[in-house]
Amino acid sequence: IPGPNCQTDEEILNAVRRRSTSGLHGVATCRMGRDEDAVVDGRLRVRGVQGLRVADCSVMPSLVSGNTNAPAMALGWRASDLIEEDAAAARR
């Protein structure tokens, strides 16, 4: 990949660093859970911040074994249900 112009270890490492990108799917940065380290509760509400929810893969406690697209869509769908439920309960 670096090509014939890269001869030394340093040149090869620099070429790889210039052309590399992250292919990671960020998860668990706003982890859901019951423990005090969890950012969101089971209803996707941010602990200690009224009216704020997180509805993306950052709430997942660990990475799934495949692409995160479907879990992200499922989380969004579930979040919409939770928001509707809470709004209906507030109107009662």
PDB file of N, CA and C in Angstrom:
ATOM      1  N   ILE A   1       0.821  -1.201   0.000  1.00  0.00           N
ATOM      2  CA  ILE A   1       0.000   0.000   0.000  1.00  0.00           C
ATOM      3  C   ILE A   1       0.862   1.260   0.000  1.00  0.00           C
ATOM      4  N   PRO A   2       1.892   1.353   0.821  1.00  0.00           N
ATOM      5  CA  PRO A   2       2.672   2.590   0.820  1.00  0.00           C
ATOM      6  C   PRO A   2       3.358   2.877  -0.514  1.00  0.00           C
ATOM      7  N   GLY A   3       3.730   1.855  -1.285  1.00  0.00           N
ATOM      8  CA  GLY A   3       4.378   2.075  -2.568  1.00  0.00           C
ATOM      9  C   GLY A   3       5.887   1.959  -2.493  1.00  0.00           C
ATOM     10  N   PRO A   4       6.525   1.976  -3.667  1.00  0.00           N
ATOM     11  CA  PRO A   4       7.976   1.759  -3.720  1.00  0.00           C
ATOM     12  C   PRO A   4       8.798   2.925  -3.176  1.00  0.00           C
ATOM     13  N   ASN A   5       8.189   4.088  -3.025  1.00  0.00           N
ATOM     14  CA  ASN A   5       8.931   5.243  -2.498  1.00  0.00           C
ATOM     15  C   ASN A   5       9.150   5.155  -0.995  1.00  0.00           C
ATOM     16  N   CYS A   6       8.462   4.268  -0.345  1.00  0.00           N
ATOM     17  CA  CYS A   6       8.607   4.099   1.107  1.00  0.00           C
ATOM     18  C   CYS A   6       9.557   2.938   1.359  1.00  0.00           C
ATOM     19  N   GLN A   7      10.692   3.231   1.913  1.00  0.00           N
ATOM     20  CA  GLN A   7      11.714   2.208   2.119  1.00  0.00           C
ATOM     21  C   GLN A   7      11.979   1.920   3.590  1.00  0.00           C
ATOM     22  N   THR A   8      11.980   2.941   4.402  1.00  0.00           N
ATOM     23  CA  THR A   8      12.311   2.747   5.816  1.00  0.00           C
ATOM     24  C   THR A   8      11.041   2.479   6.616  1.00  0.00           C
ATOM     25  N   ASP A   9      11.234   1.951   7.804  1.00  0.00           N
ATOM     26  CA  ASP A   9      10.092   1.724   8.691  1.00  0.00           C
ATOM     27  C   ASP A   9       9.344   3.024   8.953  1.00  0.00           C
ATOM     28  N   GLU A  10      10.094   4.088   9.171  1.00  0.00           N
ATOM     29  CA  GLU A  10       9.469   5.383   9.451  1.00  0.00           C
ATOM     30  C   GLU A  10       8.632   5.858   8.261  1.00  0.00           C
ATOM     31  N   GLU A  11       9.146   5.704   7.046  1.00  0.00           N
ATOM     32  CA  GLU A  11       8.395   6.108   5.848  1.00  0.00           C
ATOM     33  C   GLU A  11       7.124   5.272   5.686  1.00  0.00           C
ATOM     34  N   ILE A  12       7.224   3.994   5.941  1.00  0.00           N
ATOM     35  CA  ILE A  12       6.056   3.112   5.839  1.00  0.00           C
ATOM     36  C   ILE A  12       5.019   3.486   6.885  1.00  0.00           C
ATOM     37  N   LEU A  13       5.450   3.690   8.125  1.00  0.00           N
ATOM     38  CA  LEU A  13       4.517   4.081   9.185  1.00  0.00           C
ATOM     39  C   LEU A  13       3.845   5.412   8.875  1.00  0.00           C
ATOM     40  N   ASN A  14       4.602   6.378   8.398  1.00  0.00           N
ATOM     41  CA  ASN A  14       4.018   7.677   8.041  1.00  0.00           C
ATOM     42  C   ASN A  14       3.004   7.541   6.915  1.00  0.00           C
ATOM     43  N   ALA A  15       3.300   6.712   5.915  1.00  0.00           N
ATOM     44  CA  ALA A  15       2.359   6.504   4.806  1.00  0.00           C
ATOM     45  C   ALA A  15       1.068   5.862   5.298  1.00  0.00           C
ATOM     46  N   VAL A  16       1.195   4.875   6.162  1.00  0.00           N
ATOM     47  CA  VAL A  16       0.007   4.214   6.712  1.00  0.00           C
ATOM     48  C   VAL A  16      -0.799   5.193   7.556  1.00  0.00           C
ATOM     49  N   ARG A  17      -0.146   5.987   8.370  1.00  0.00           N
ATOM     50  CA  ARG A  17      -0.854   6.966   9.213  1.00  0.00           C
ATOM     51  C   ARG A  17      -1.599   7.999   8.366  1.00  0.00           C
ATOM     52  N   ARG A  18      -1.004   8.430   7.261  1.00  0.00           N
ATOM     53  CA  ARG A  18      -1.650   9.425   6.391  1.00  0.00           C
ATOM     54  C   ARG A  18      -2.883   8.859   5.697  1.00  0.00           C
ATOM     55  N   ARG A  19      -2.878   7.579   5.411  1.00  0.00           N
ATOM     56  CA  ARG A  19      -3.963   6.972   4.638  1.00  0.00           C
ATOM     57  C   ARG A  19      -4.974   6.211   5.494  1.00  0.00           C
ATOM     58  N   SER A  20      -4.753   6.116   6.771  1.00  0.00           N
ATOM     59  CA  SER A  20      -5.622   5.330   7.651  1.00  0.00           C
ATOM     60  C   SER A  20      -6.795   6.151   8.155  1.00  0.00           C
ATOM     61  N   THR A  21      -7.904   5.482   8.312  1.00  0.00           N
ATOM     62  CA  THR A  21      -9.084   6.083   8.932  1.00  0.00           C
ATOM     63  C   THR A  21      -9.670   5.083   9.918  1.00  0.00           C
ATOM     64  N   SER A  22     -10.490   5.574  10.783  1.00  0.00           N
ATOM     65  CA  SER A  22     -11.149   4.711  11.755  1.00  0.00           C
ATOM     66  C   SER A  22     -12.384   4.092  11.130  1.00  0.00           C
ATOM     67  N   GLY A  23     -12.571   2.828  11.360  1.00  0.00           N
ATOM     68  CA  GLY A  23     -13.774   2.149  10.898  1.00  0.00           C
ATOM     69  C   GLY A  23     -14.617   1.700  12.073  1.00  0.00           C
ATOM     70  N   LEU A  24     -14.407   2.316  13.204  1.00  0.00           N
ATOM     71  CA  LEU A  24     -15.107   1.911  14.419  1.00  0.00           C
ATOM     72  C   LEU A  24     -16.497   2.518  14.493  1.00  0.00           C
ATOM     73  N   HIS A  25     -17.369   1.812  15.151  1.00  0.00           N
ATOM     74  CA  HIS A  25     -18.709   2.306  15.434  1.00  0.00           C
ATOM     75  C   HIS A  25     -18.738   2.676  16.912  1.00  0.00           C
ATOM     76  N   GLY A  26     -18.877   3.954  17.185  1.00  0.00           N
ATOM     77  CA  GLY A  26     -18.849   4.410  18.570  1.00  0.00           C
ATOM     78  C   GLY A  26     -20.071   3.954  19.353  1.00  0.00           C
ATOM     79  N   VAL A  27     -19.843   3.236  20.408  1.00  0.00           N
ATOM     80  CA  VAL A  27     -20.916   2.817  21.307  1.00  0.00           C
ATOM     81  C   VAL A  27     -20.440   2.992  22.743  1.00  0.00           C
ATOM     82  N   ALA A  28     -21.396   2.974  23.658  1.00  0.00           N
ATOM     83  CA  ALA A  28     -21.137   2.958  25.100  1.00  0.00           C
ATOM     84  C   ALA A  28     -20.577   4.263  25.648  1.00  0.00           C
ATOM     85  N   THR A  29     -20.626   5.345  24.898  1.00  0.00           N
ATOM     86  CA  THR A  29     -20.150   6.620  25.426  1.00  0.00           C
ATOM     87  C   THR A  29     -21.182   7.286  26.323  1.00  0.00           C
ATOM     88  N   CYS A  30     -22.447   6.897  26.184  1.00  0.00           N
ATOM     89  CA  CYS A  30     -23.538   7.351  27.066  1.00  0.00           C
ATOM     90  C   CYS A  30     -24.301   6.114  27.525  1.00  0.00           C
ATOM     91  N   ARG A  31     -23.586   5.181  28.053  1.00  0.00           N
ATOM     92  CA  ARG A  31     -24.093   3.847  28.368  1.00  0.00           C
ATOM     93  C   ARG A  31     -25.372   3.841  29.197  1.00  0.00           C
ATOM     94  N   MET A  32     -26.293   2.958  28.816  1.00  0.00           N
ATOM     95  CA  MET A  32     -27.527   2.745  29.561  1.00  0.00           C
ATOM     96  C   MET A  32     -27.277   1.690  30.637  1.00  0.00           C
ATOM     97  N   GLY A  33     -27.896   1.889  31.791  1.00  0.00           N
ATOM     98  CA  GLY A  33     -27.774   0.897  32.841  1.00  0.00           C
ATOM     99  C   GLY A  33     -28.380   1.373  34.140  1.00  0.00           C
ATOM    100  N   ARG A  34     -28.320   0.504  35.128  1.00  0.00           N
ATOM    101  CA  ARG A  34     -28.880   0.816  36.450  1.00  0.00           C
ATOM    102  C   ARG A  34     -27.827   1.329  37.423  1.00  0.00           C
ATOM    103  N   ASP A  35     -26.562   1.082  37.124  1.00  0.00           N
ATOM    104  CA  ASP A  35     -25.511   1.491  38.054  1.00  0.00           C
ATOM    105  C   ASP A  35     -25.260   2.995  37.965  1.00  0.00           C
ATOM    106  N   GLU A  36     -24.539   3.523  38.931  1.00  0.00           N
ATOM    107  CA  GLU A  36     -24.335   4.978  39.011  1.00  0.00           C
ATOM    108  C   GLU A  36     -23.453   5.531  37.895  1.00  0.00           C
ATOM    109  N   ASP A  37     -22.697   4.683  37.218  1.00  0.00           N
ATOM    110  CA  ASP A  37     -21.866   5.139  36.103  1.00  0.00           C
ATOM    111  C   ASP A  37     -22.633   5.246  34.788  1.00  0.00           C
ATOM    112  N   ALA A  38     -23.832   4.704  34.743  1.00  0.00           N
ATOM    113  CA  ALA A  38     -24.629   4.750  33.516  1.00  0.00           C
ATOM    114  C   ALA A  38     -25.141   6.168  33.278  1.00  0.00           C
ATOM    115  N   VAL A  39     -25.080   6.614  32.038  1.00  0.00           N
ATOM    116  CA  VAL A  39     -25.504   7.972  31.683  1.00  0.00           C
ATOM    117  C   VAL A  39     -27.014   8.056  31.521  1.00  0.00           C
ATOM    118  N   VAL A  40     -27.616   7.027  30.919  1.00  0.00           N
ATOM    119  CA  VAL A  40     -29.063   7.047  30.690  1.00  0.00           C
ATOM    120  C   VAL A  40     -29.728   5.873  31.387  1.00  0.00           C
ATOM    121  N   ASP A  41     -31.015   6.064  31.692  1.00  0.00           N
ATOM    122  CA  ASP A  41     -31.790   4.990  32.301  1.00  0.00           C
ATOM    123  C   ASP A  41     -32.438   4.141  31.202  1.00  0.00           C
ATOM    124  N   GLY A  42     -33.260   3.185  31.597  1.00  0.00           N
ATOM    125  CA  GLY A  42     -33.907   2.284  30.656  1.00  0.00           C
ATOM    126  C   GLY A  42     -34.908   2.941  29.728  1.00  0.00           C
ATOM    127  N   ARG A  43     -35.269   4.182  30.007  1.00  0.00           N
ATOM    128  CA  ARG A  43     -36.176   4.931  29.131  1.00  0.00           C
ATOM    129  C   ARG A  43     -35.403   5.970  28.317  1.00  0.00           C
ATOM    130  N   LEU A  44     -34.090   5.797  28.255  1.00  0.00           N
ATOM    131  CA  LEU A  44     -33.181   6.640  27.465  1.00  0.00           C
ATOM    132  C   LEU A  44     -33.070   8.070  27.980  1.00  0.00           C
ATOM    133  N   ARG A  45     -33.489   8.304  29.219  1.00  0.00           N
ATOM    134  CA  ARG A  45     -33.404   9.647  29.818  1.00  0.00           C
ATOM    135  C   ARG A  45     -32.031   9.844  30.439  1.00  0.00           C
ATOM    136  N   VAL A  46     -31.440  11.001  30.183  1.00  0.00           N
ATOM    137  CA  VAL A  46     -30.138  11.317  30.769  1.00  0.00           C
ATOM    138  C   VAL A  46     -30.340  11.598  32.252  1.00  0.00           C
ATOM    139  N   ARG A  47     -29.597  10.891  33.070  1.00  0.00           N
ATOM    140  CA  ARG A  47     -29.733  11.049  34.521  1.00  0.00           C
ATOM    141  C   ARG A  47     -29.333  12.461  34.944  1.00  0.00           C
ATOM    142  N   GLY A  48     -30.201  13.100  35.716  1.00  0.00           N
ATOM    143  CA  GLY A  48     -29.912  14.422  36.248  1.00  0.00           C
ATOM    144  C   GLY A  48     -30.208  15.575  35.311  1.00  0.00           C
ATOM    145  N   VAL A  49     -30.731  15.297  34.109  1.00  0.00           N
ATOM    146  CA  VAL A  49     -31.051  16.357  33.148  1.00  0.00           C
ATOM    147  C   VAL A  49     -32.484  16.138  32.671  1.00  0.00           C
ATOM    148  N   GLN A  50     -33.386  16.943  33.143  1.00  0.00           N
ATOM    149  CA  GLN A  50     -34.791  16.779  32.787  1.00  0.00           C
ATOM    150  C   GLN A  50     -35.031  17.140  31.318  1.00  0.00           C
ATOM    151  N   GLY A  51     -35.794  16.303  30.626  1.00  0.00           N
ATOM    152  CA  GLY A  51     -36.181  16.574  29.247  1.00  0.00           C
ATOM    153  C   GLY A  51     -35.152  16.198  28.189  1.00  0.00           C
ATOM    154  N   LEU A  52     -34.089  15.504  28.562  1.00  0.00           N
ATOM    155  CA  LEU A  52     -33.056  15.131  27.594  1.00  0.00           C
ATOM    156  C   LEU A  52     -32.943  13.615  27.515  1.00  0.00           C
ATOM    157  N   ARG A  53     -32.977  13.109  26.295  1.00  0.00           N
ATOM    158  CA  ARG A  53     -32.786  11.677  26.055  1.00  0.00           C
ATOM    159  C   ARG A  53     -31.666  11.492  25.045  1.00  0.00           C
ATOM    160  N   VAL A  54     -31.081  10.328  25.066  1.00  0.00           N
ATOM    161  CA  VAL A  54     -30.099   9.949  24.052  1.00  0.00           C
ATOM    162  C   VAL A  54     -30.675   8.746  23.326  1.00  0.00           C
ATOM    163  N   ALA A  55     -30.754   8.840  22.004  1.00  0.00           N
ATOM    164  CA  ALA A  55     -31.380   7.780  21.212  1.00  0.00           C
ATOM    165  C   ALA A  55     -30.470   7.372  20.062  1.00  0.00           C
ATOM    166  N   ASP A  56     -29.258   6.980  20.383  1.00  0.00           N
ATOM    167  CA  ASP A  56     -28.348   6.464  19.363  1.00  0.00           C
ATOM    168  C   ASP A  56     -27.528   5.328  19.976  1.00  0.00           C
ATOM    169  N   CYS A  57     -26.603   4.811  19.223  1.00  0.00           N
ATOM    170  CA  CYS A  57     -25.844   3.643  19.682  1.00  0.00           C
ATOM    171  C   CYS A  57     -24.913   3.928  20.852  1.00  0.00           C
ATOM    172  N   SER A  58     -24.767   5.176  21.225  1.00  0.00           N
ATOM    173  CA  SER A  58     -23.918   5.473  22.380  1.00  0.00           C
ATOM    174  C   SER A  58     -24.525   4.937  23.674  1.00  0.00           C
ATOM    175  N   VAL A  59     -25.823   4.623  23.685  1.00  0.00           N
ATOM    176  CA  VAL A  59     -26.450   4.085  24.895  1.00  0.00           C
ATOM    177  C   VAL A  59     -26.211   2.588  25.051  1.00  0.00           C
ATOM    178  N   MET A  60     -25.767   1.933  23.993  1.00  0.00           N
ATOM    179  CA  MET A  60     -25.541   0.488  24.064  1.00  0.00           C
ATOM    180  C   MET A  60     -24.361   0.207  24.989  1.00  0.00           C
ATOM    181  N   PRO A  61     -24.523  -0.713  25.937  1.00  0.00           N
ATOM    182  CA  PRO A  61     -23.439  -0.987  26.880  1.00  0.00           C
ATOM    183  C   PRO A  61     -22.216  -1.640  26.239  1.00  0.00           C
ATOM    184  N   SER A  62     -22.408  -2.304  25.094  1.00  0.00           N
ATOM    185  CA  SER A  62     -21.282  -2.931  24.400  1.00  0.00           C
ATOM    186  C   SER A  62     -21.581  -2.990  22.905  1.00  0.00           C
ATOM    187  N   LEU A  63     -20.557  -3.233  22.130  1.00  0.00           N
ATOM    188  CA  LEU A  63     -20.675  -3.257  20.680  1.00  0.00           C
ATOM    189  C   LEU A  63     -21.334  -4.546  20.217  1.00  0.00           C
ATOM    190  N   VAL A  64     -22.251  -4.433  19.272  1.00  0.00           N
ATOM    191  CA  VAL A  64     -22.867  -5.617  18.673  1.00  0.00           C
ATOM    192  C   VAL A  64     -21.870  -6.257  17.716  1.00  0.00           C
ATOM    193  N   SER A  65     -22.148  -7.480  17.293  1.00  0.00           N
ATOM    194  CA  SER A  65     -21.194  -8.192  16.437  1.00  0.00           C
ATOM    195  C   SER A  65     -21.293  -7.809  14.964  1.00  0.00           C
ATOM    196  N   GLY A  66     -22.247  -6.959  14.612  1.00  0.00           N
ATOM    197  CA  GLY A  66     -22.401  -6.536  13.224  1.00  0.00           C
ATOM    198  C   GLY A  66     -22.463  -5.029  13.118  1.00  0.00           C
ATOM    199  N   ASN A  67     -22.932  -4.563  11.973  1.00  0.00           N
ATOM    200  CA  ASN A  67     -23.069  -3.135  11.736  1.00  0.00           C
ATOM    201  C   ASN A  67     -24.083  -2.538  12.708  1.00  0.00           C
ATOM    202  N   THR A  68     -23.901  -1.297  13.066  1.00  0.00           N
ATOM    203  CA  THR A  68     -24.774  -0.653  14.059  1.00  0.00           C
ATOM    204  C   THR A  68     -25.985   0.043  13.447  1.00  0.00           C
ATOM    205  N   ASN A  69     -26.184  -0.043  12.134  1.00  0.00           N
ATOM    206  CA  ASN A  69     -27.302   0.645  11.497  1.00  0.00           C
ATOM    207  C   ASN A  69     -28.651   0.166  12.036  1.00  0.00           C
ATOM    208  N   ALA A  70     -28.900  -1.134  12.033  1.00  0.00           N
ATOM    209  CA  ALA A  70     -30.186  -1.659  12.503  1.00  0.00           C
ATOM    210  C   ALA A  70     -30.416  -1.360  13.987  1.00  0.00           C
ATOM    211  N   PRO A  71     -29.426  -1.565  14.863  1.00  0.00           N
ATOM    212  CA  PRO A  71     -29.649  -1.188  16.257  1.00  0.00           C
ATOM    213  C   PRO A  71     -29.938   0.301  16.433  1.00  0.00           C
ATOM    214  N   ALA A  72     -29.299   1.148  15.647  1.00  0.00           N
ATOM    215  CA  ALA A  72     -29.560   2.591  15.734  1.00  0.00           C
ATOM    216  C   ALA A  72     -30.998   2.891  15.348  1.00  0.00           C
ATOM    217  N   MET A  73     -31.479   2.239  14.295  1.00  0.00           N
ATOM    218  CA  MET A  73     -32.868   2.444  13.874  1.00  0.00           C
ATOM    219  C   MET A  73     -33.837   1.933  14.936  1.00  0.00           C
ATOM    220  N   ALA A  74     -33.536   0.783  15.526  1.00  0.00           N
ATOM    221  CA  ALA A  74     -34.392   0.232  16.572  1.00  0.00           C
ATOM    222  C   ALA A  74     -34.419   1.144  17.796  1.00  0.00           C
ATOM    223  N   LEU A  75     -33.278   1.700  18.160  1.00  0.00           N
ATOM    224  CA  LEU A  75     -33.229   2.628  19.290  1.00  0.00           C
ATOM    225  C   LEU A  75     -34.056   3.877  19.019  1.00  0.00           C
ATOM    226  N   GLY A  76     -33.985   4.399  17.815  1.00  0.00           N
ATOM    227  CA  GLY A  76     -34.796   5.561  17.458  1.00  0.00           C
ATOM    228  C   GLY A  76     -36.278   5.254  17.514  1.00  0.00           C
ATOM    229  N   TRP A  77     -36.647   4.085  17.019  1.00  0.00           N
ATOM    230  CA  TRP A  77     -38.047   3.665  17.045  1.00  0.00           C
ATOM    231  C   TRP A  77     -38.517   3.526  18.494  1.00  0.00           C
ATOM    232  N   ARG A  78     -37.713   2.870  19.304  1.00  0.00           N
ATOM    233  CA  ARG A  78     -38.074   2.696  20.718  1.00  0.00           C
ATOM    234  C   ARG A  78     -38.144   4.042  21.429  1.00  0.00           C
ATOM    235  N   ALA A  79     -37.237   4.940  21.131  1.00  0.00           N
ATOM    236  CA  ALA A  79     -37.252   6.271  21.747  1.00  0.00           C
ATOM    237  C   ALA A  79     -38.547   6.996  21.419  1.00  0.00           C
ATOM    238  N   SER A  80     -39.016   6.873  20.182  1.00  0.00           N
ATOM    239  CA  SER A  80     -40.272   7.545  19.820  1.00  0.00           C
ATOM    240  C   SER A  80     -41.435   6.975  20.618  1.00  0.00           C
ATOM    241  N   ASP A  81     -41.442   5.657  20.834  1.00  0.00           N
ATOM    242  CA  ASP A  81     -42.489   5.048  21.669  1.00  0.00           C
ATOM    243  C   ASP A  81     -42.420   5.573  23.103  1.00  0.00           C
ATOM    244  N   LEU A  82     -41.216   5.650  23.657  1.00  0.00           N
ATOM    245  CA  LEU A  82     -41.053   6.123  25.034  1.00  0.00           C
ATOM    246  C   LEU A  82     -41.490   7.575  25.177  1.00  0.00           C
ATOM    247  N   ILE A  83     -41.150   8.403  24.208  1.00  0.00           N
ATOM    248  CA  ILE A  83     -41.543   9.815  24.248  1.00  0.00           C
ATOM    249  C   ILE A  83     -43.057   9.944  24.173  1.00  0.00           C
ATOM    250  N   GLU A  84     -43.688   9.166  23.284  1.00  0.00           N
ATOM    251  CA  GLU A  84     -45.155   9.183  23.187  1.00  0.00           C
ATOM    252  C   GLU A  84     -45.803   8.730  24.491  1.00  0.00           C
ATOM    253  N   GLU A  85     -45.275   7.656  25.083  1.00  0.00           N
ATOM    254  CA  GLU A  85     -45.818   7.156  26.351  1.00  0.00           C
ATOM    255  C   GLU A  85     -45.714   8.209  27.445  1.00  0.00           C
ATOM    256  N   ASP A  86     -44.565   8.839  27.567  1.00  0.00           N
ATOM    257  CA  ASP A  86     -44.373   9.850  28.608  1.00  0.00           C
ATOM    258  C   ASP A  86     -45.248  11.074  28.373  1.00  0.00           C
ATOM    259  N   ALA A  87     -45.432  11.462  27.118  1.00  0.00           N
ATOM    260  CA  ALA A  87     -46.299  12.605  26.806  1.00  0.00           C
ATOM    261  C   ALA A  87     -47.748  12.282  27.146  1.00  0.00           C
ATOM    262  N   ALA A  88     -48.191  11.065  26.841  1.00  0.00           N
ATOM    263  CA  ALA A  88     -49.560  10.655  27.159  1.00  0.00           C
ATOM    264  C   ALA A  88     -49.774  10.616  28.670  1.00  0.00           C
ATOM    265  N   ALA A  89     -48.796  10.109  29.405  1.00  0.00           N
ATOM    266  CA  ALA A  89     -48.908  10.051  30.866  1.00  0.00           C
ATOM    267  C   ALA A  89     -48.961  11.451  31.463  1.00  0.00           C
ATOM    268  N   ALA A  90     -48.235  12.394  30.889  1.00  0.00           N
ATOM    269  CA  ALA A  90     -48.224  13.771  31.400  1.00  0.00           C
ATOM    270  C   ALA A  90     -49.553  14.473  31.155  1.00  0.00           C
ATOM    271  N   ARG A  91     -50.272  14.073  30.109  1.00  0.00           N
ATOM    272  CA  ARG A  91     -51.571  14.687  29.800  1.00  0.00           C
ATOM    273  C   ARG A  91     -52.682  14.182  30.708  1.00  0.00           C
ATOM    274  N   ARG A  92     -52.466  13.053  31.365  1.00  0.00           N
ATOM    275  CA  ARG A  92     -53.516  12.474  32.228  1.00  0.00           C
ATOM    276  C   ARG A  92     -53.658  13.217  33.514  1.00  0.00           C
TER     277      ARG A  92
END
